[in-house]
Amino acid sequence: MASTESTATVKDGNDLDGVEAGLDALETVQTSRTPLRETLIRKVLPPVTAIALVLVVWQLLVWAEAAPAYKLPSPSDVWGEVRESWLQGTLFDYIWTSVSRGLLGFLMALAIGTPLGLLVARVRFVRAAIGPILSGLQSLPSVAWVAPAVLWLGLNNSMMYAVILLGAVPSIANGLVSGVDQVPPLFLRAGRTLGATGLKGTWHIVMPAALPGYL
């Protein structure tokens, strides 16, 4: 009996040691680092190669005179113009002009697309009337609106804002429609029970619940 008990004790001790060794192995932090050369090859080389390829194709098109110089300047001409703008202190003004137009256009699209999306999501007649149109407009790339906008409005700020709105409003509206469709009906019933109906229900229940799809 003593021999049997000692054997069982040894086995239990070995099992415990094995469990502790396994836990120690799991807690061990891998300190091996990826070699710098491998990191450069995997992370840095692909984008650098892509940029170099674009520049080469660009320069070849310039040499082939695929377009007039005022439409397709060479990379060196563009770099020279950027450098000159930097030295004159006007580069950030140019950048801010483009960024401000994009921000203002997005805010305008948000102000138009949000109520439009709510209207489409909550009113069946409106969804049947313009829902397919919004889906069709969303499938069009924004660049497709550039040529018609230039023809209708000319080269000005109105044209730029029109392109932004035509590209962004359908996406914002459809995103909100998708988010509203995913709101659990239980939330709506609970809101109505607590008196959150109409605009109050939309603000406190529908919009927060639809936020994941909206974003």
N, C-alpha and C. Protein backbone atom coordinates (compact mmCIF):
# COMPACT_ATOMS: atom_id res chain seq x y z
N MET A 1 0.83 -1.21 0.00
CA MET A 1 0.00 0.00 0.00
C MET A 1 0.85 1.24 0.00
N ALA A 2 1.94 1.19 0.79
CA ALA A 2 2.82 2.36 0.86
C ALA A 2 3.43 2.64 -0.49
N SER A 3 3.84 1.55 -1.18
CA SER A 3 4.44 1.73 -2.51
C SER A 3 3.44 2.33 -3.48
N THR A 4 2.19 1.86 -3.40
CA THR A 4 1.16 2.39 -4.31
C THR A 4 0.91 3.86 -4.06
N GLU A 5 0.84 4.24 -2.75
CA GLU A 5 0.59 5.64 -2.42
C GLU A 5 1.74 6.53 -2.87
N SER A 6 2.97 6.05 -2.70
CA SER A 6 4.12 6.86 -3.12
C SER A 6 4.15 7.03 -4.62
N THR A 7 3.76 5.96 -5.36
CA THR A 7 3.72 6.06 -6.82
C THR A 7 2.68 7.07 -7.27
N ALA A 8 1.50 7.05 -6.62
CA ALA A 8 0.45 8.01 -6.96
C ALA A 8 0.90 9.43 -6.66
N THR A 9 1.63 9.58 -5.53
CA THR A 9 2.12 10.92 -5.17
C THR A 9 3.11 11.43 -6.20
N VAL A 10 4.00 10.53 -6.67
CA VAL A 10 4.98 10.92 -7.68
C VAL A 10 4.29 11.33 -8.98
N LYS A 11 3.26 10.56 -9.36
CA LYS A 11 2.53 10.88 -10.60
C LYS A 11 1.84 12.23 -10.49
N ASP A 12 1.20 12.47 -9.30
CA ASP A 12 0.53 13.75 -9.10
C ASP A 12 1.53 14.90 -9.16
N GLY A 13 2.70 14.66 -8.58
CA GLY A 13 3.72 15.70 -8.62
C GLY A 13 4.21 15.97 -10.03
N ASN A 14 4.37 14.90 -10.81
CA ASN A 14 4.81 15.08 -12.20
C ASN A 14 3.75 15.83 -13.01
N ASP A 15 2.46 15.47 -12.77
CA ASP A 15 1.39 16.16 -13.49
C ASP A 15 1.36 17.64 -13.15
N LEU A 16 1.54 17.95 -11.85
CA LEU A 16 1.54 19.34 -11.43
C LEU A 16 2.70 20.11 -12.03
N ASP A 17 3.87 19.46 -12.08
CA ASP A 17 5.02 20.11 -12.69
C ASP A 17 4.78 20.37 -14.18
N GLY A 18 4.12 19.41 -14.85
CA GLY A 18 3.83 19.60 -16.27
C GLY A 18 2.87 20.75 -16.51
N VAL A 19 1.84 20.85 -15.64
CA VAL A 19 0.89 21.97 -15.77
C VAL A 19 1.59 23.30 -15.55
N GLU A 20 2.44 23.38 -14.52
CA GLU A 20 3.15 24.62 -14.24
C GLU A 20 4.09 24.99 -15.39
N ALA A 21 4.74 23.98 -15.96
CA ALA A 21 5.63 24.25 -17.08
C ALA A 21 4.85 24.77 -18.28
N GLY A 22 3.65 24.20 -18.50
CA GLY A 22 2.83 24.68 -19.61
C GLY A 22 2.37 26.10 -19.41
N LEU A 23 1.98 26.45 -18.16
CA LEU A 23 1.57 27.82 -17.87
C LEU A 23 2.73 28.79 -18.03
N ASP A 24 3.91 28.36 -17.59
CA ASP A 24 5.08 29.22 -17.76
C ASP A 24 5.38 29.46 -19.23
N ALA A 25 5.19 28.43 -20.04
CA ALA A 25 5.44 28.58 -21.48
C ALA A 25 4.45 29.55 -22.11
N LEU A 26 3.18 29.51 -21.64
CA LEU A 26 2.18 30.42 -22.18
C LEU A 26 2.47 31.87 -21.78
N GLU A 27 3.00 32.06 -20.56
CA GLU A 27 3.26 33.40 -20.09
C GLU A 27 4.56 33.98 -20.62
N THR A 28 5.38 33.14 -21.21
CA THR A 28 6.66 33.62 -21.73
C THR A 28 6.42 34.53 -22.92
N VAL A 29 6.97 35.72 -22.88
CA VAL A 29 6.82 36.69 -23.96
C VAL A 29 7.87 36.42 -25.03
N GLN A 30 7.39 36.33 -26.25
CA GLN A 30 8.32 36.11 -27.35
C GLN A 30 9.11 37.39 -27.61
N THR A 31 10.39 37.32 -27.38
CA THR A 31 11.24 38.50 -27.53
C THR A 31 11.97 38.53 -28.86
N SER A 32 11.76 37.53 -29.68
CA SER A 32 12.44 37.52 -30.97
C SER A 32 11.89 38.62 -31.85
N ARG A 33 12.74 39.36 -32.50
CA ARG A 33 12.36 40.48 -33.34
C ARG A 33 12.61 40.13 -34.80
N THR A 34 11.73 40.68 -35.64
CA THR A 34 11.90 40.46 -37.07
C THR A 34 13.13 41.21 -37.55
N PRO A 35 13.98 40.56 -38.32
CA PRO A 35 15.17 41.25 -38.82
C PRO A 35 14.79 42.50 -39.62
N LEU A 36 15.66 43.51 -39.52
CA LEU A 36 15.39 44.78 -40.20
C LEU A 36 15.27 44.59 -41.70
N ARG A 37 16.09 43.75 -42.26
CA ARG A 37 16.05 43.53 -43.71
C ARG A 37 14.71 42.95 -44.13
N GLU A 38 14.21 41.98 -43.36
CA GLU A 38 12.91 41.38 -43.69
C GLU A 38 11.78 42.40 -43.56
N THR A 39 11.87 43.25 -42.54
CA THR A 39 10.85 44.29 -42.37
C THR A 39 10.85 45.25 -43.55
N LEU A 40 12.03 45.64 -43.98
CA LEU A 40 12.12 46.55 -45.13
C LEU A 40 11.55 45.91 -46.39
N ILE A 41 11.82 44.63 -46.58
CA ILE A 41 11.35 43.95 -47.79
C ILE A 41 9.83 43.81 -47.77
N ARG A 42 9.27 43.50 -46.61
CA ARG A 42 7.83 43.25 -46.53
C ARG A 42 7.00 44.52 -46.43
N LYS A 43 7.50 45.51 -45.68
CA LYS A 43 6.69 46.69 -45.37
C LYS A 43 7.03 47.90 -46.23
N VAL A 44 8.30 48.11 -46.49
CA VAL A 44 8.73 49.34 -47.15
C VAL A 44 8.85 49.17 -48.66
N LEU A 45 9.38 48.06 -49.09
CA LEU A 45 9.65 47.88 -50.52
C LEU A 45 8.40 47.92 -51.39
N PRO A 46 7.28 47.26 -51.03
CA PRO A 46 6.11 47.30 -51.92
C PRO A 46 5.57 48.70 -52.20
N PRO A 47 5.32 49.57 -51.18
CA PRO A 47 4.84 50.91 -51.52
C PRO A 47 5.85 51.75 -52.27
N VAL A 48 7.13 51.60 -51.94
CA VAL A 48 8.16 52.36 -52.67
C VAL A 48 8.20 51.93 -54.12
N THR A 49 8.08 50.63 -54.37
CA THR A 49 8.06 50.13 -55.74
C THR A 49 6.84 50.65 -56.50
N ALA A 50 5.69 50.68 -55.84
CA ALA A 50 4.48 51.18 -56.49
C ALA A 50 4.62 52.65 -56.86
N ILE A 51 5.16 53.46 -55.94
CA ILE A 51 5.36 54.89 -56.23
C ILE A 51 6.34 55.08 -57.37
N ALA A 52 7.43 54.31 -57.35
CA ALA A 52 8.41 54.42 -58.43
C ALA A 52 7.81 54.03 -59.77
N LEU A 53 6.97 53.00 -59.78
CA LEU A 53 6.33 52.57 -61.03
C LEU A 53 5.40 53.65 -61.56
N VAL A 54 4.65 54.30 -60.67
CA VAL A 54 3.77 55.38 -61.10
C VAL A 54 4.57 56.53 -61.70
N LEU A 55 5.68 56.89 -61.06
CA LEU A 55 6.51 57.97 -61.57
C LEU A 55 7.11 57.62 -62.93
N VAL A 56 7.53 56.38 -63.10
CA VAL A 56 8.10 55.96 -64.39
C VAL A 56 7.05 56.03 -65.49
N VAL A 57 5.86 55.50 -65.22
CA VAL A 57 4.79 55.56 -66.22
C VAL A 57 4.42 57.00 -66.53
N TRP A 58 4.37 57.83 -65.51
CA TRP A 58 4.06 59.25 -65.68
C TRP A 58 5.08 59.91 -66.61
N GLN A 59 6.36 59.67 -66.33
CA GLN A 59 7.41 60.28 -67.14
C GLN A 59 7.37 59.75 -68.57
N LEU A 60 7.08 58.47 -68.75
CA LEU A 60 6.99 57.91 -70.10
C LEU A 60 5.85 58.57 -70.88
N LEU A 61 4.73 58.82 -70.22
CA LEU A 61 3.62 59.50 -70.89
C LEU A 61 3.99 60.92 -71.27
N VAL A 62 4.78 61.58 -70.42
CA VAL A 62 5.24 62.94 -70.76
C VAL A 62 6.16 62.90 -71.96
N TRP A 63 7.10 61.98 -71.98
CA TRP A 63 8.00 61.87 -73.13
C TRP A 63 7.25 61.50 -74.41
N ALA A 64 6.21 60.70 -74.27
CA ALA A 64 5.42 60.32 -75.45
C ALA A 64 4.46 61.42 -75.89
N GLU A 65 4.42 62.53 -75.12
CA GLU A 65 3.53 63.65 -75.42
C GLU A 65 2.08 63.18 -75.55
N ALA A 66 1.67 62.38 -74.55
CA ALA A 66 0.30 61.88 -74.54
C ALA A 66 -0.72 62.98 -74.33
N ALA A 67 -0.29 64.09 -73.74
CA ALA A 67 -1.17 65.24 -73.52
C ALA A 67 -0.31 66.49 -73.50
N PRO A 68 -0.91 67.65 -73.75
CA PRO A 68 -0.14 68.90 -73.68
C PRO A 68 0.48 69.10 -72.31
N ALA A 69 1.54 69.89 -72.27
CA ALA A 69 2.29 70.08 -71.02
C ALA A 69 1.44 70.72 -69.93
N TYR A 70 0.48 71.57 -70.31
CA TYR A 70 -0.34 72.21 -69.27
C TYR A 70 -1.35 71.23 -68.67
N LYS A 71 -1.62 70.12 -69.36
CA LYS A 71 -2.50 69.09 -68.81
C LYS A 71 -1.72 67.99 -68.10
N LEU A 72 -0.54 67.67 -68.61
CA LEU A 72 0.26 66.58 -68.04
C LEU A 72 1.70 67.06 -67.89
N PRO A 73 1.98 67.84 -66.85
CA PRO A 73 3.37 68.26 -66.61
C PRO A 73 4.21 67.09 -66.12
N SER A 74 5.50 67.21 -66.25
CA SER A 74 6.39 66.14 -65.82
C SER A 74 6.52 66.14 -64.30
N PRO A 75 6.94 65.02 -63.72
CA PRO A 75 7.14 64.98 -62.26
C PRO A 75 8.11 66.03 -61.76
N SER A 76 9.17 66.30 -62.53
CA SER A 76 10.13 67.32 -62.10
C SER A 76 9.50 68.70 -62.09
N ASP A 77 8.64 69.00 -63.07
CA ASP A 77 7.96 70.30 -63.09
C ASP A 77 7.03 70.45 -61.88
N VAL A 78 6.32 69.37 -61.56
CA VAL A 78 5.42 69.42 -60.41
C VAL A 78 6.21 69.61 -59.12
N TRP A 79 7.31 68.88 -58.98
CA TRP A 79 8.14 69.02 -57.79
C TRP A 79 8.71 70.44 -57.69
N GLY A 80 9.13 70.99 -58.82
CA GLY A 80 9.65 72.36 -58.81
C GLY A 80 8.59 73.36 -58.38
N GLU A 81 7.35 73.16 -58.83
CA GLU A 81 6.27 74.07 -58.44
C GLU A 81 5.95 73.94 -56.95
N VAL A 82 5.97 72.70 -56.44
CA VAL A 82 5.74 72.50 -55.01
C VAL A 82 6.84 73.16 -54.19
N ARG A 83 8.07 73.00 -54.62
CA ARG A 83 9.20 73.61 -53.91
C ARG A 83 9.10 75.13 -53.93
N GLU A 84 8.72 75.69 -55.07
CA GLU A 84 8.59 77.14 -55.19
C GLU A 84 7.48 77.66 -54.27
N SER A 85 6.37 76.93 -54.22
CA SER A 85 5.27 77.34 -53.33
C SER A 85 5.69 77.26 -51.87
N TRP A 86 6.48 76.25 -51.54
CA TRP A 86 6.97 76.12 -50.18
C TRP A 86 7.88 77.29 -49.80
N LEU A 87 8.77 77.66 -50.70
CA LEU A 87 9.68 78.77 -50.43
C LEU A 87 8.93 80.10 -50.32
N GLN A 88 7.86 80.24 -51.09
CA GLN A 88 7.08 81.47 -51.04
C GLN A 88 6.08 81.50 -49.88
N GLY A 89 5.90 80.37 -49.21
CA GLY A 89 4.98 80.31 -48.08
C GLY A 89 3.52 80.20 -48.46
N THR A 90 3.24 79.78 -49.68
CA THR A 90 1.85 79.66 -50.14
C THR A 90 1.37 78.21 -50.24
N LEU A 91 2.23 77.25 -49.96
CA LEU A 91 1.85 75.85 -50.14
C LEU A 91 0.71 75.47 -49.20
N PHE A 92 0.81 75.86 -47.93
CA PHE A 92 -0.23 75.49 -46.97
C PHE A 92 -1.55 76.20 -47.27
N ASP A 93 -1.47 77.38 -47.87
CA ASP A 93 -2.71 78.06 -48.28
C ASP A 93 -3.43 77.24 -49.34
N TYR A 94 -2.67 76.72 -50.30
CA TYR A 94 -3.27 75.89 -51.34
C TYR A 94 -3.88 74.62 -50.74
N ILE A 95 -3.13 74.00 -49.82
CA ILE A 95 -3.63 72.77 -49.19
C ILE A 95 -4.90 73.06 -48.39
N TRP A 96 -4.89 74.16 -47.63
CA TRP A 96 -6.06 74.47 -46.81
C TRP A 96 -7.28 74.78 -47.67
N THR A 97 -7.07 75.39 -48.83
CA THR A 97 -8.19 75.67 -49.73
C THR A 97 -8.89 74.38 -50.13
N SER A 98 -8.11 73.37 -50.48
CA SER A 98 -8.71 72.09 -50.88
C SER A 98 -9.35 71.38 -49.68
N VAL A 99 -8.65 71.39 -48.54
CA VAL A 99 -9.19 70.71 -47.36
C VAL A 99 -10.47 71.39 -46.88
N SER A 100 -10.50 72.71 -46.87
CA SER A 100 -11.69 73.42 -46.41
C SER A 100 -12.88 73.15 -47.31
N ARG A 101 -12.64 73.08 -48.62
CA ARG A 101 -13.74 72.74 -49.53
C ARG A 101 -14.27 71.34 -49.24
N GLY A 102 -13.36 70.40 -49.00
CA GLY A 102 -13.80 69.04 -48.70
C GLY A 102 -14.59 68.97 -47.40
N LEU A 103 -14.11 69.68 -46.35
CA LEU A 103 -14.82 69.66 -45.07
C LEU A 103 -16.19 70.31 -45.18
N LEU A 104 -16.25 71.48 -45.84
CA LEU A 104 -17.53 72.16 -45.98
C LEU A 104 -18.50 71.33 -46.82
N GLY A 105 -17.99 70.73 -47.89
CA GLY A 105 -18.84 69.88 -48.71
C GLY A 105 -19.37 68.68 -47.95
N PHE A 106 -18.50 68.09 -47.10
CA PHE A 106 -18.95 66.94 -46.30
C PHE A 106 -20.02 67.35 -45.29
N LEU A 107 -19.85 68.50 -44.65
CA LEU A 107 -20.85 68.97 -43.69
C LEU A 107 -22.18 69.24 -44.39
N MET A 108 -22.11 69.81 -45.58
CA MET A 108 -23.34 70.04 -46.34
C MET A 108 -24.00 68.72 -46.71
N ALA A 109 -23.19 67.74 -47.13
CA ALA A 109 -23.74 66.42 -47.47
C ALA A 109 -24.35 65.76 -46.25
N LEU A 110 -23.73 65.95 -45.09
CA LEU A 110 -24.27 65.38 -43.85
C LEU A 110 -25.61 66.02 -43.49
N ALA A 111 -25.69 67.35 -43.69
CA ALA A 111 -26.93 68.05 -43.36
C ALA A 111 -28.07 67.67 -44.30
N ILE A 112 -27.74 67.30 -45.54
CA ILE A 112 -28.77 66.91 -46.50
C ILE A 112 -29.07 65.41 -46.41
N GLY A 113 -28.01 64.60 -46.31
CA GLY A 113 -28.19 63.15 -46.36
C GLY A 113 -28.84 62.57 -45.12
N THR A 114 -28.62 63.18 -43.95
CA THR A 114 -29.19 62.63 -42.72
C THR A 114 -30.72 62.71 -42.70
N PRO A 115 -31.32 63.88 -42.88
CA PRO A 115 -32.80 63.89 -42.92
C PRO A 115 -33.37 63.11 -44.09
N LEU A 116 -32.66 63.12 -45.22
CA LEU A 116 -33.13 62.34 -46.36
C LEU A 116 -33.13 60.85 -46.04
N GLY A 117 -32.07 60.37 -45.39
CA GLY A 117 -32.01 58.97 -45.00
C GLY A 117 -33.09 58.59 -44.01
N LEU A 118 -33.35 59.47 -43.04
CA LEU A 118 -34.43 59.20 -42.09
C LEU A 118 -35.78 59.15 -42.78
N LEU A 119 -35.99 60.05 -43.73
CA LEU A 119 -37.26 60.07 -44.46
C LEU A 119 -37.45 58.79 -45.26
N VAL A 120 -36.39 58.36 -45.94
CA VAL A 120 -36.48 57.13 -46.73
C VAL A 120 -36.68 55.92 -45.83
N ALA A 121 -36.02 55.91 -44.69
CA ALA A 121 -36.10 54.75 -43.80
C ALA A 121 -37.45 54.63 -43.10
N ARG A 122 -38.10 55.75 -42.82
CA ARG A 122 -39.31 55.73 -42.00
C ARG A 122 -40.60 55.82 -42.80
N VAL A 123 -40.54 56.31 -44.04
CA VAL A 123 -41.75 56.48 -44.85
C VAL A 123 -41.69 55.52 -46.03
N ARG A 124 -42.60 54.58 -46.08
CA ARG A 124 -42.55 53.55 -47.12
C ARG A 124 -42.72 54.13 -48.51
N PHE A 125 -43.60 55.11 -48.66
CA PHE A 125 -43.83 55.68 -49.98
C PHE A 125 -42.56 56.35 -50.51
N VAL A 126 -41.86 57.08 -49.64
CA VAL A 126 -40.62 57.73 -50.06
C VAL A 126 -39.56 56.70 -50.40
N ARG A 127 -39.49 55.62 -49.61
CA ARG A 127 -38.51 54.57 -49.92
C ARG A 127 -38.79 53.94 -51.27
N ALA A 128 -40.06 53.67 -51.56
CA ALA A 128 -40.41 53.07 -52.86
C ALA A 128 -40.16 54.04 -54.00
N ALA A 129 -40.27 55.35 -53.72
CA ALA A 129 -40.13 56.34 -54.78
C ALA A 129 -38.67 56.64 -55.11
N ILE A 130 -37.85 56.92 -54.10
CA ILE A 130 -36.48 57.37 -54.38
C ILE A 130 -35.42 56.43 -53.83
N GLY A 131 -35.81 55.38 -53.12
CA GLY A 131 -34.81 54.44 -52.61
C GLY A 131 -33.95 53.82 -53.70
N PRO A 132 -34.55 53.29 -54.78
CA PRO A 132 -33.73 52.75 -55.87
C PRO A 132 -32.84 53.79 -56.53
N ILE A 133 -33.33 55.04 -56.61
CA ILE A 133 -32.52 56.10 -57.22
C ILE A 133 -31.27 56.36 -56.37
N LEU A 134 -31.44 56.43 -55.05
CA LEU A 134 -30.30 56.64 -54.17
C LEU A 134 -29.29 55.50 -54.29
N SER A 135 -29.79 54.27 -54.37
CA SER A 135 -28.88 53.12 -54.51
C SER A 135 -28.12 53.19 -55.82
N GLY A 136 -28.81 53.60 -56.89
CA GLY A 136 -28.13 53.73 -58.18
C GLY A 136 -27.09 54.83 -58.17
N LEU A 137 -27.41 55.97 -57.55
CA LEU A 137 -26.45 57.07 -57.48
C LEU A 137 -25.25 56.70 -56.62
N GLN A 138 -25.47 55.91 -55.58
CA GLN A 138 -24.36 55.51 -54.72
C GLN A 138 -23.35 54.64 -55.47
N SER A 139 -23.82 53.87 -56.42
CA SER A 139 -22.92 52.98 -57.16
C SER A 139 -22.03 53.74 -58.13
N LEU A 140 -22.36 54.99 -58.43
CA LEU A 140 -21.55 55.77 -59.35
C LEU A 140 -20.35 56.37 -58.61
N PRO A 141 -19.16 56.30 -59.17
CA PRO A 141 -18.02 56.98 -58.54
C PRO A 141 -18.16 58.49 -58.64
N SER A 142 -17.61 59.20 -57.67
CA SER A 142 -17.74 60.66 -57.65
C SER A 142 -17.13 61.31 -58.89
N VAL A 143 -16.08 60.70 -59.42
CA VAL A 143 -15.42 61.29 -60.58
C VAL A 143 -16.33 61.32 -61.79
N ALA A 144 -17.37 60.48 -61.81
CA ALA A 144 -18.29 60.47 -62.94
C ALA A 144 -19.09 61.76 -63.03
N TRP A 145 -19.19 62.50 -61.91
CA TRP A 145 -19.96 63.74 -61.91
C TRP A 145 -19.12 64.95 -62.30
N VAL A 146 -17.82 64.79 -62.45
CA VAL A 146 -16.96 65.94 -62.72
C VAL A 146 -17.30 66.58 -64.06
N ALA A 147 -17.34 65.76 -65.12
CA ALA A 147 -17.59 66.32 -66.45
C ALA A 147 -18.96 67.00 -66.55
N PRO A 148 -20.07 66.37 -66.11
CA PRO A 148 -21.35 67.08 -66.16
C PRO A 148 -21.36 68.35 -65.32
N ALA A 149 -20.71 68.31 -64.15
CA ALA A 149 -20.70 69.50 -63.30
C ALA A 149 -19.93 70.64 -63.95
N VAL A 150 -18.84 70.32 -64.63
CA VAL A 150 -18.08 71.37 -65.33
C VAL A 150 -18.91 71.96 -66.46
N LEU A 151 -19.63 71.12 -67.19
CA LEU A 151 -20.45 71.61 -68.30
C LEU A 151 -21.61 72.47 -67.79
N TRP A 152 -22.22 72.08 -66.70
CA TRP A 152 -23.39 72.80 -66.20
C TRP A 152 -23.02 74.04 -65.39
N LEU A 153 -21.96 73.95 -64.57
CA LEU A 153 -21.65 75.01 -63.62
C LEU A 153 -20.35 75.74 -63.90
N GLY A 154 -19.48 75.16 -64.73
CA GLY A 154 -18.19 75.78 -64.99
C GLY A 154 -17.17 75.42 -63.91
N LEU A 155 -15.95 75.95 -64.07
CA LEU A 155 -14.88 75.67 -63.12
C LEU A 155 -14.94 76.69 -61.98
N ASN A 156 -15.66 76.37 -60.95
CA ASN A 156 -15.79 77.26 -59.80
C ASN A 156 -16.10 76.43 -58.56
N ASN A 157 -16.30 77.11 -57.44
CA ASN A 157 -16.58 76.40 -56.19
C ASN A 157 -17.91 75.65 -56.25
N SER A 158 -18.88 76.20 -56.95
CA SER A 158 -20.18 75.52 -57.05
C SER A 158 -20.03 74.15 -57.68
N MET A 159 -19.18 74.06 -58.70
CA MET A 159 -18.95 72.77 -59.35
C MET A 159 -18.34 71.77 -58.37
N MET A 160 -17.37 72.22 -57.58
CA MET A 160 -16.71 71.32 -56.64
C MET A 160 -17.68 70.83 -55.57
N TYR A 161 -18.48 71.75 -55.04
CA TYR A 161 -19.45 71.34 -54.03
C TYR A 161 -20.52 70.42 -54.61
N ALA A 162 -20.89 70.66 -55.85
CA ALA A 162 -21.89 69.79 -56.49
C ALA A 162 -21.35 68.37 -56.62
N VAL A 163 -20.09 68.23 -57.01
CA VAL A 163 -19.49 66.90 -57.14
C VAL A 163 -19.45 66.20 -55.77
N ILE A 164 -19.06 66.96 -54.73
CA ILE A 164 -19.01 66.36 -53.39
C ILE A 164 -20.39 65.91 -52.94
N LEU A 165 -21.39 66.77 -53.15
CA LEU A 165 -22.75 66.44 -52.70
C LEU A 165 -23.32 65.26 -53.46
N LEU A 166 -23.13 65.24 -54.77
CA LEU A 166 -23.67 64.14 -55.57
C LEU A 166 -23.01 62.82 -55.22
N GLY A 167 -21.77 62.87 -54.78
CA GLY A 167 -21.09 61.63 -54.41
C GLY A 167 -21.34 61.19 -52.98
N ALA A 168 -21.54 62.17 -52.07
CA ALA A 168 -21.63 61.84 -50.65
C ALA A 168 -23.05 61.67 -50.14
N VAL A 169 -23.98 62.48 -50.63
CA VAL A 169 -25.35 62.43 -50.10
C VAL A 169 -25.98 61.04 -50.25
N PRO A 170 -25.92 60.39 -51.42
CA PRO A 170 -26.52 59.05 -51.51
C PRO A 170 -25.87 58.04 -50.56
N SER A 171 -24.55 58.12 -50.38
CA SER A 171 -23.88 57.19 -49.47
C SER A 171 -24.32 57.42 -48.03
N ILE A 172 -24.40 58.68 -47.62
CA ILE A 172 -24.83 58.98 -46.25
C ILE A 172 -26.27 58.54 -46.03
N ALA A 173 -27.14 58.85 -46.97
CA ALA A 173 -28.55 58.49 -46.83
C ALA A 173 -28.73 56.97 -46.78
N ASN A 174 -28.07 56.25 -47.67
CA ASN A 174 -28.21 54.80 -47.68
C ASN A 174 -27.59 54.16 -46.44
N GLY A 175 -26.49 54.75 -45.94
CA GLY A 175 -25.91 54.23 -44.71
C GLY A 175 -26.86 54.37 -43.53
N LEU A 176 -27.56 55.51 -43.47
CA LEU A 176 -28.52 55.69 -42.38
C LEU A 176 -29.73 54.77 -42.55
N VAL A 177 -30.17 54.57 -43.78
CA VAL A 177 -31.28 53.64 -44.03
C VAL A 177 -30.90 52.23 -43.56
N SER A 178 -29.69 51.82 -43.89
CA SER A 178 -29.23 50.49 -43.47
C SER A 178 -29.16 50.40 -41.94
N GLY A 179 -28.69 51.46 -41.29
CA GLY A 179 -28.63 51.45 -39.84
C GLY A 179 -30.00 51.40 -39.20
N VAL A 180 -30.96 52.16 -39.74
CA VAL A 180 -32.31 52.16 -39.19
C VAL A 180 -32.97 50.80 -39.38
N ASP A 181 -32.72 50.16 -40.51
CA ASP A 181 -33.30 48.83 -40.75
C ASP A 181 -32.79 47.80 -39.75
N GLN A 182 -31.62 48.03 -39.17
CA GLN A 182 -31.05 47.07 -38.23
C GLN A 182 -31.43 47.36 -36.77
N VAL A 183 -32.20 48.42 -36.54
CA VAL A 183 -32.63 48.72 -35.17
C VAL A 183 -33.62 47.65 -34.71
N PRO A 184 -33.38 47.00 -33.57
CA PRO A 184 -34.32 45.98 -33.08
C PRO A 184 -35.70 46.57 -32.83
N PRO A 185 -36.76 45.91 -33.28
CA PRO A 185 -38.12 46.42 -33.03
C PRO A 185 -38.43 46.59 -31.55
N LEU A 186 -37.77 45.80 -30.71
CA LEU A 186 -38.00 45.92 -29.27
C LEU A 186 -37.63 47.31 -28.76
N PHE A 187 -36.57 47.90 -29.33
CA PHE A 187 -36.17 49.24 -28.93
C PHE A 187 -37.27 50.25 -29.25
N LEU A 188 -37.86 50.11 -30.45
CA LEU A 188 -38.91 51.04 -30.86
C LEU A 188 -40.14 50.89 -29.97
N ARG A 189 -40.52 49.65 -29.67
CA ARG A 189 -41.70 49.43 -28.81
C ARG A 189 -41.45 49.97 -27.40
N ALA A 190 -40.25 49.74 -26.89
CA ALA A 190 -39.92 50.26 -25.56
C ALA A 190 -39.95 51.79 -25.56
N GLY A 191 -39.47 52.40 -26.63
CA GLY A 191 -39.50 53.85 -26.71
C GLY A 191 -40.91 54.40 -26.75
N ARG A 192 -41.77 53.75 -27.53
CA ARG A 192 -43.16 54.21 -27.59
C ARG A 192 -43.85 54.04 -26.24
N THR A 193 -43.52 52.96 -25.54
CA THR A 193 -44.11 52.75 -24.22
C THR A 193 -43.70 53.84 -23.25
N LEU A 194 -42.47 54.31 -23.38
CA LEU A 194 -41.97 55.35 -22.48
C LEU A 194 -42.29 56.75 -22.98
N GLY A 195 -43.01 56.85 -24.09
CA GLY A 195 -43.42 58.15 -24.59
C GLY A 195 -42.48 58.78 -25.59
N ALA A 196 -41.47 58.05 -26.05
CA ALA A 196 -40.53 58.59 -27.03
C ALA A 196 -41.06 58.29 -28.43
N THR A 197 -41.86 59.19 -28.94
CA THR A 197 -42.43 59.05 -30.28
C THR A 197 -42.05 60.26 -31.12
N GLY A 198 -42.25 60.13 -32.42
CA GLY A 198 -41.96 61.25 -33.31
C GLY A 198 -40.49 61.61 -33.32
N LEU A 199 -40.22 62.93 -33.28
CA LEU A 199 -38.85 63.40 -33.31
C LEU A 199 -38.08 62.99 -32.06
N LYS A 200 -38.78 62.92 -30.94
CA LYS A 200 -38.11 62.51 -29.70
C LYS A 200 -37.64 61.06 -29.80
N GLY A 201 -38.47 60.19 -30.36
CA GLY A 201 -38.06 58.81 -30.54
C GLY A 201 -36.94 58.67 -31.55
N THR A 202 -36.99 59.49 -32.59
CA THR A 202 -35.91 59.46 -33.59
C THR A 202 -34.60 59.89 -32.98
N TRP A 203 -34.62 60.92 -32.16
CA TRP A 203 -33.39 61.46 -31.59
C TRP A 203 -32.81 60.56 -30.50
N HIS A 204 -33.67 60.02 -29.64
CA HIS A 204 -33.18 59.28 -28.48
C HIS A 204 -33.07 57.78 -28.71
N ILE A 205 -33.76 57.25 -29.71
CA ILE A 205 -33.76 55.79 -29.90
C ILE A 205 -33.22 55.41 -31.28
N VAL A 206 -33.84 55.93 -32.33
CA VAL A 206 -33.50 55.48 -33.68
C VAL A 206 -32.07 55.86 -34.04
N MET A 207 -31.69 57.13 -33.86
CA MET A 207 -30.36 57.57 -34.25
C MET A 207 -29.24 56.87 -33.47
N PRO A 208 -29.32 56.79 -32.13
CA PRO A 208 -28.26 56.06 -31.42
C PRO A 208 -28.17 54.59 -31.81
N ALA A 209 -29.33 53.94 -31.99
CA ALA A 209 -29.30 52.52 -32.36
C ALA A 209 -28.81 52.31 -33.78
N ALA A 210 -29.05 53.29 -34.66
CA ALA A 210 -28.63 53.17 -36.06
C ALA A 210 -27.22 53.67 -36.30
N LEU A 211 -26.56 54.15 -35.25
CA LEU A 211 -25.25 54.77 -35.42
C LEU A 211 -24.20 53.85 -36.04
N PRO A 212 -24.12 52.56 -35.66
CA PRO A 212 -23.11 51.70 -36.31
C PRO A 212 -23.26 51.62 -37.82
N GLY A 213 -24.48 51.45 -38.32
CA GLY A 213 -24.67 51.43 -39.76
C GLY A 213 -24.49 52.78 -40.39
N TYR A 214 -24.85 53.83 -39.66
CA TYR A 214 -24.72 55.20 -40.16
C TYR A 214 -23.27 55.57 -40.38
N LEU A 215 -22.41 55.16 -39.44
CA LEU A 215 -21.00 55.47 -39.57
C LEU A 215 -20.35 54.62 -40.65
